[in-house]
PDB file of N, CA and C in Angstrom:
ATOM      1  N   MET A   1      95.037  86.209  88.424  1.00  0.00           N
ATOM      2  CA  MET A   1      93.998  87.076  88.985  1.00  0.00           C
ATOM      3  C   MET A   1      94.609  88.273  89.711  1.00  0.00           C
ATOM      4  N   LEU A   2      95.674  88.022  90.441  1.00  0.00           N
ATOM      5  CA  LEU A   2      96.336  89.112  91.144  1.00  0.00           C
ATOM      6  C   LEU A   2      96.856  90.154  90.158  1.00  0.00           C
ATOM      7  N   LEU A   3      97.430  89.673  89.048  1.00  0.00           N
ATOM      8  CA  LEU A   3      97.924  90.588  88.022  1.00  0.00           C
ATOM      9  C   LEU A   3      96.787  91.453  87.490  1.00  0.00           C
ATOM     10  N   GLN A   4      95.639  90.824  87.266  1.00  0.00           N
ATOM     11  CA  GLN A   4      94.502  91.578  86.731  1.00  0.00           C
ATOM     12  C   GLN A   4      94.059  92.658  87.711  1.00  0.00           C
ATOM     13  N   LEU A   5      94.022  92.340  88.995  1.00  0.00           N
ATOM     14  CA  LEU A   5      93.619  93.339  89.995  1.00  0.00           C
ATOM     15  C   LEU A   5      94.627  94.483  90.050  1.00  0.00           C
ATOM     16  N   GLU A   6      95.896  94.137  89.940  1.00  0.00           N
ATOM     17  CA  GLU A   6      96.923  95.179  89.934  1.00  0.00           C
ATOM     18  C   GLU A   6      96.770  96.064  88.701  1.00  0.00           C
ATOM     19  N   CYS A   7      96.480  95.434  87.578  1.00  0.00           N
ATOM     20  CA  CYS A   7      96.255  96.191  86.348  1.00  0.00           C
ATOM     21  C   CYS A   7      95.070  97.130  86.507  1.00  0.00           C
ATOM     22  N   GLN A   8      93.996  96.638  87.079  1.00  0.00           N
ATOM     23  CA  GLN A   8      92.808  97.474  87.261  1.00  0.00           C
ATOM     24  C   GLN A   8      93.139  98.666  88.154  1.00  0.00           C
ATOM     25  N   SER A   9      93.897  98.422  89.201  1.00  0.00           N
ATOM     26  CA  SER A   9      94.266  99.496  90.114  1.00  0.00           C
ATOM     27  C   SER A   9      95.127 100.532  89.398  1.00  0.00           C
ATOM     28  N   ASN A  10      96.108 100.061  88.629  1.00  0.00           N
ATOM     29  CA  ASN A  10      96.983 100.973  87.888  1.00  0.00           C
ATOM     30  C   ASN A  10      96.200 101.765  86.856  1.00  0.00           C
ATOM     31  N   LEU A  11      95.287 101.088  86.184  1.00  0.00           N
ATOM     32  CA  LEU A  11      94.476 101.751  85.171  1.00  0.00           C
ATOM     33  C   LEU A  11      93.566 102.792  85.812  1.00  0.00           C
ATOM     34  N   ARG A  12      92.970 102.452  86.937  1.00  0.00           N
ATOM     35  CA  ARG A  12      92.098 103.399  87.643  1.00  0.00           C
ATOM     36  C   ARG A  12      92.888 104.648  88.048  1.00  0.00           C
ATOM     37  N   ASP A  13      94.096 104.442  88.581  1.00  0.00           N
ATOM     38  CA  ASP A  13      94.935 105.582  88.969  1.00  0.00           C
ATOM     39  C   ASP A  13      95.259 106.456  87.763  1.00  0.00           C
ATOM     40  N   PHE A  14      95.596 105.800  86.652  1.00  0.00           N
ATOM     41  CA  PHE A  14      95.917 106.506  85.417  1.00  0.00           C
ATOM     42  C   PHE A  14      94.724 107.349  84.950  1.00  0.00           C
ATOM     43  N   LEU A  15      93.543 106.739  84.983  1.00  0.00           N
ATOM     44  CA  LEU A  15      92.345 107.457  84.529  1.00  0.00           C
ATOM     45  C   LEU A  15      91.992 108.599  85.464  1.00  0.00           C
ATOM     46  N   LEU A  16      92.114 108.376  86.754  1.00  0.00           N
ATOM     47  CA  LEU A  16      91.777 109.430  87.714  1.00  0.00           C
ATOM     48  C   LEU A  16      92.699 110.637  87.561  1.00  0.00           C
ATOM     49  N   LYS A  17      93.989 110.374  87.305  1.00  0.00           N
ATOM     50  CA  LYS A  17      94.926 111.486  87.090  1.00  0.00           C
ATOM     51  C   LYS A  17      94.514 112.296  85.873  1.00  0.00           C
ATOM     52  N   LYS A  18      94.132 111.606  84.808  1.00  0.00           N
ATOM     53  CA  LYS A  18      93.700 112.316  83.595  1.00  0.00           C
ATOM     54  C   LYS A  18      92.428 113.112  83.869  1.00  0.00           C
ATOM     55  N   LEU A  19      91.508 112.512  84.610  1.00  0.00           N
ATOM     56  CA  LEU A  19      90.251 113.206  84.895  1.00  0.00           C
ATOM     57  C   LEU A  19      90.478 114.424  85.787  1.00  0.00           C
ATOM     58  N   GLN A  20      91.402 114.314  86.721  1.00  0.00           N
ATOM     59  CA  GLN A  20      91.696 115.443  87.599  1.00  0.00           C
ATOM     60  C   GLN A  20      92.243 116.625  86.795  1.00  0.00           C
ATOM     61  N   LYS A  21      92.988 116.305  85.730  1.00  0.00           N
ATOM     62  CA  LYS A  21      93.526 117.358  84.858  1.00  0.00           C
ATOM     63  C   LYS A  21      92.514 117.746  83.782  1.00  0.00           C
ATOM     64  N   GLN A  22      91.358 117.108  83.810  1.00  0.00           N
ATOM     65  CA  GLN A  22      90.285 117.334  82.839  1.00  0.00           C
ATOM     66  C   GLN A  22      90.760 117.073  81.411  1.00  0.00           C
ATOM     67  N   GLU A  23      91.601 116.044  81.279  1.00  0.00           N
ATOM     68  CA  GLU A  23      92.045 115.637  79.945  1.00  0.00           C
ATOM     69  C   GLU A  23      91.056 114.623  79.394  1.00  0.00           C
ATOM     70  N   LYS A  24      90.904 114.627  78.088  1.00  0.00           N
ATOM     71  CA  LYS A  24      90.036 113.634  77.463  1.00  0.00           C
ATOM     72  C   LYS A  24      90.750 112.288  77.438  1.00  0.00           C
ATOM     73  N   ILE A  25      89.969 111.234  77.581  1.00  0.00           N
ATOM     74  CA  ILE A  25      90.518 109.878  77.572  1.00  0.00           C
ATOM     75  C   ILE A  25      89.907 109.130  76.397  1.00  0.00           C
ATOM     76  N   ALA A  26      90.750 108.696  75.498  1.00  0.00           N
ATOM     77  CA  ALA A  26      90.268 107.919  74.357  1.00  0.00           C
ATOM     78  C   ALA A  26      90.117 106.459  74.760  1.00  0.00           C
ATOM     79  N   ALA A  27      89.095 105.813  74.223  1.00  0.00           N
ATOM     80  CA  ALA A  27      88.905 104.392  74.503  1.00  0.00           C
ATOM     81  C   ALA A  27      90.133 103.606  74.068  1.00  0.00           C
ATOM     82  N   SER A  28      90.757 104.030  72.977  1.00  0.00           N
ATOM     83  CA  SER A  28      91.945 103.319  72.489  1.00  0.00           C
ATOM     84  C   SER A  28      93.095 103.398  73.498  1.00  0.00           C
ATOM     85  N   GLU A  29      93.200 104.517  74.208  1.00  0.00           N
ATOM     86  CA  GLU A  29      94.224 104.642  75.256  1.00  0.00           C
ATOM     87  C   GLU A  29      93.993 103.617  76.350  1.00  0.00           C
ATOM     88  N   CYS A  30      92.734 103.491  76.722  1.00  0.00           N
ATOM     89  CA  CYS A  30      92.361 102.556  77.776  1.00  0.00           C
ATOM     90  C   CYS A  30      92.677 101.124  77.328  1.00  0.00           C
ATOM     91  N   GLN A  31      92.345 100.803  76.098  1.00  0.00           N
ATOM     92  CA  GLN A  31      92.619  99.468  75.575  1.00  0.00           C
ATOM     93  C   GLN A  31      94.118  99.224  75.508  1.00  0.00           C
ATOM     94  N   LYS A  32      94.880 100.233  75.093  1.00  0.00           N
ATOM     95  CA  LYS A  32      96.335 100.072  74.988  1.00  0.00           C
ATOM     96  C   LYS A  32      96.923  99.803  76.375  1.00  0.00           C
ATOM     97  N   PHE A  33      96.466 100.544  77.365  1.00  0.00           N
ATOM     98  CA  PHE A  33      96.957 100.356  78.730  1.00  0.00           C
ATOM     99  C   PHE A  33      96.657  98.940  79.202  1.00  0.00           C
ATOM    100  N   THR A  34      95.437  98.496  78.939  1.00  0.00           N
ATOM    101  CA  THR A  34      95.039  97.141  79.306  1.00  0.00           C
ATOM    102  C   THR A  34      95.937  96.124  78.627  1.00  0.00           C
ATOM    103  N   PHE A  35      96.172  96.322  77.341  1.00  0.00           N
ATOM    104  CA  PHE A  35      96.983  95.385  76.566  1.00  0.00           C
ATOM    105  C   PHE A  35      98.426  95.382  77.078  1.00  0.00           C
ATOM    106  N   ASP A  36      98.991  96.561  77.295  1.00  0.00           N
ATOM    107  CA  ASP A  36     100.372  96.667  77.776  1.00  0.00           C
ATOM    108  C   ASP A  36     100.537  95.977  79.117  1.00  0.00           C
ATOM    109  N   CYS A  37      99.547  96.139  79.984  1.00  0.00           N
ATOM    110  CA  CYS A  37      99.662  95.600  81.329  1.00  0.00           C
ATOM    111  C   CYS A  37      99.505  94.085  81.339  1.00  0.00           C
ATOM    112  N   LEU A  38      98.541  93.585  80.617  1.00  0.00           N
ATOM    113  CA  LEU A  38      98.274  92.145  80.649  1.00  0.00           C
ATOM    114  C   LEU A  38      99.142  91.370  79.671  1.00  0.00           C
ATOM    115  N   GLY A  39      99.665  92.063  78.671  1.00  0.00           N
ATOM    116  CA  GLY A  39     100.492  91.386  77.694  1.00  0.00           C
ATOM    117  C   GLY A  39      99.684  90.809  76.554  1.00  0.00           C
ATOM    118  N   SER A  40      98.485  90.353  76.837  1.00  0.00           N
ATOM    119  CA  SER A  40      97.619  89.828  75.784  1.00  0.00           C
ATOM    120  C   SER A  40      96.188  89.754  76.296  1.00  0.00           C
ATOM    121  N   PHE A  41      95.252  89.688  75.375  1.00  0.00           N
ATOM    122  CA  PHE A  41      93.847  89.537  75.756  1.00  0.00           C
ATOM    123  C   PHE A  41      93.525  88.052  75.776  1.00  0.00           C
ATOM    124  N   ARG A  42      93.222  87.518  76.943  1.00  0.00           N
ATOM    125  CA  ARG A  42      92.956  86.078  77.037  1.00  0.00           C
ATOM    126  C   ARG A  42      91.471  85.757  76.893  1.00  0.00           C
ATOM    127  N   ASN A  43      90.631  86.663  77.325  1.00  0.00           N
ATOM    128  CA  ASN A  43      89.188  86.442  77.159  1.00  0.00           C
ATOM    129  C   ASN A  43      88.461  87.774  77.204  1.00  0.00           C
ATOM    130  N   ASN A  44      87.173  87.751  76.988  1.00  0.00           N
ATOM    131  CA  ASN A  44      86.413  88.993  76.884  1.00  0.00           C
ATOM    132  C   ASN A  44      86.403  89.797  78.175  1.00  0.00           C
ATOM    133  N   SER A  45      86.446  89.131  79.316  1.00  0.00           N
ATOM    134  CA  SER A  45      86.399  89.887  80.567  1.00  0.00           C
ATOM    135  C   SER A  45      87.677  90.702  80.742  1.00  0.00           C
ATOM    136  N   GLU A  46      88.814  90.138  80.392  1.00  0.00           N
ATOM    137  CA  GLU A  46      90.057  90.908  80.484  1.00  0.00           C
ATOM    138  C   GLU A  46      90.079  91.988  79.409  1.00  0.00           C
ATOM    139  N   ASN A  47      89.620  91.634  78.232  1.00  0.00           N
ATOM    140  CA  ASN A  47      89.594  92.595  77.130  1.00  0.00           C
ATOM    141  C   ASN A  47      88.734  93.800  77.495  1.00  0.00           C
ATOM    142  N   GLY A  48      87.648  93.548  78.215  1.00  0.00           N
ATOM    143  CA  GLY A  48      86.705  94.615  78.510  1.00  0.00           C
ATOM    144  C   GLY A  48      86.905  95.340  79.819  1.00  0.00           C
ATOM    145  N   PHE A  49      87.755  94.838  80.726  1.00  0.00           N
ATOM    146  CA  PHE A  49      87.749  95.459  82.055  1.00  0.00           C
ATOM    147  C   PHE A  49      88.234  96.903  82.019  1.00  0.00           C
ATOM    148  N   GLY A  50      89.178  97.216  81.150  1.00  0.00           N
ATOM    149  CA  GLY A  50      89.658  98.595  81.070  1.00  0.00           C
ATOM    150  C   GLY A  50      88.551  99.547  80.677  1.00  0.00           C
ATOM    151  N   LEU A  51      87.758  99.117  79.720  1.00  0.00           N
ATOM    152  CA  LEU A  51      86.656  99.970  79.284  1.00  0.00           C
ATOM    153  C   LEU A  51      85.594 100.078  80.354  1.00  0.00           C
ATOM    154  N   LYS A  52      85.384  99.017  81.123  1.00  0.00           N
ATOM    155  CA  LYS A  52      84.419  99.090  82.231  1.00  0.00           C
ATOM    156  C   LYS A  52      84.885 100.109  83.265  1.00  0.00           C
ATOM    157  N   VAL A  53      86.178 100.083  83.567  1.00  0.00           N
ATOM    158  CA  VAL A  53      86.719 101.061  84.524  1.00  0.00           C
ATOM    159  C   VAL A  53      86.566 102.458  83.955  1.00  0.00           C
ATOM    160  N   LEU A  54      86.879 102.612  82.687  1.00  0.00           N
ATOM    161  CA  LEU A  54      86.748 103.919  82.039  1.00  0.00           C
ATOM    162  C   LEU A  54      85.314 104.430  82.144  1.00  0.00           C
ATOM    163  N   MET A  55      84.356 103.560  81.890  1.00  0.00           N
ATOM    164  CA  MET A  55      82.957 103.977  81.919  1.00  0.00           C
ATOM    165  C   MET A  55      82.504 104.347  83.330  1.00  0.00           C
ATOM    166  N   GLN A  56      83.091 103.725  84.335  1.00  0.00           N
ATOM    167  CA  GLN A  56      82.724 104.053  85.718  1.00  0.00           C
ATOM    168  C   GLN A  56      83.142 105.467  86.086  1.00  0.00           C
ATOM    169  N   TYR A  57      84.200 105.959  85.459  1.00  0.00           N
ATOM    170  CA  TYR A  57      84.767 107.246  85.869  1.00  0.00           C
ATOM    171  C   TYR A  57      84.484 108.373  84.894  1.00  0.00           C
ATOM    172  N   THR A  58      83.645 108.115  83.880  1.00  0.00           N
ATOM    173  CA  THR A  58      83.345 109.189  82.933  1.00  0.00           C
ATOM    174  C   THR A  58      81.844 109.395  82.849  1.00  0.00           C
TER     175      THR A  58
END
């Protein structure tokens, strides 16, 4: 759980930096970041959290 929270924080920072530069963010980028950070998708909530964060900031 701690790893997941750290991943969410890192992903949020990554997305905010892109948004500040007004760069477009592809959903695939978000999924790749999620996958790289967690190492694997264990269930739907982990699989989807990156996209949920993305949707909150776009």
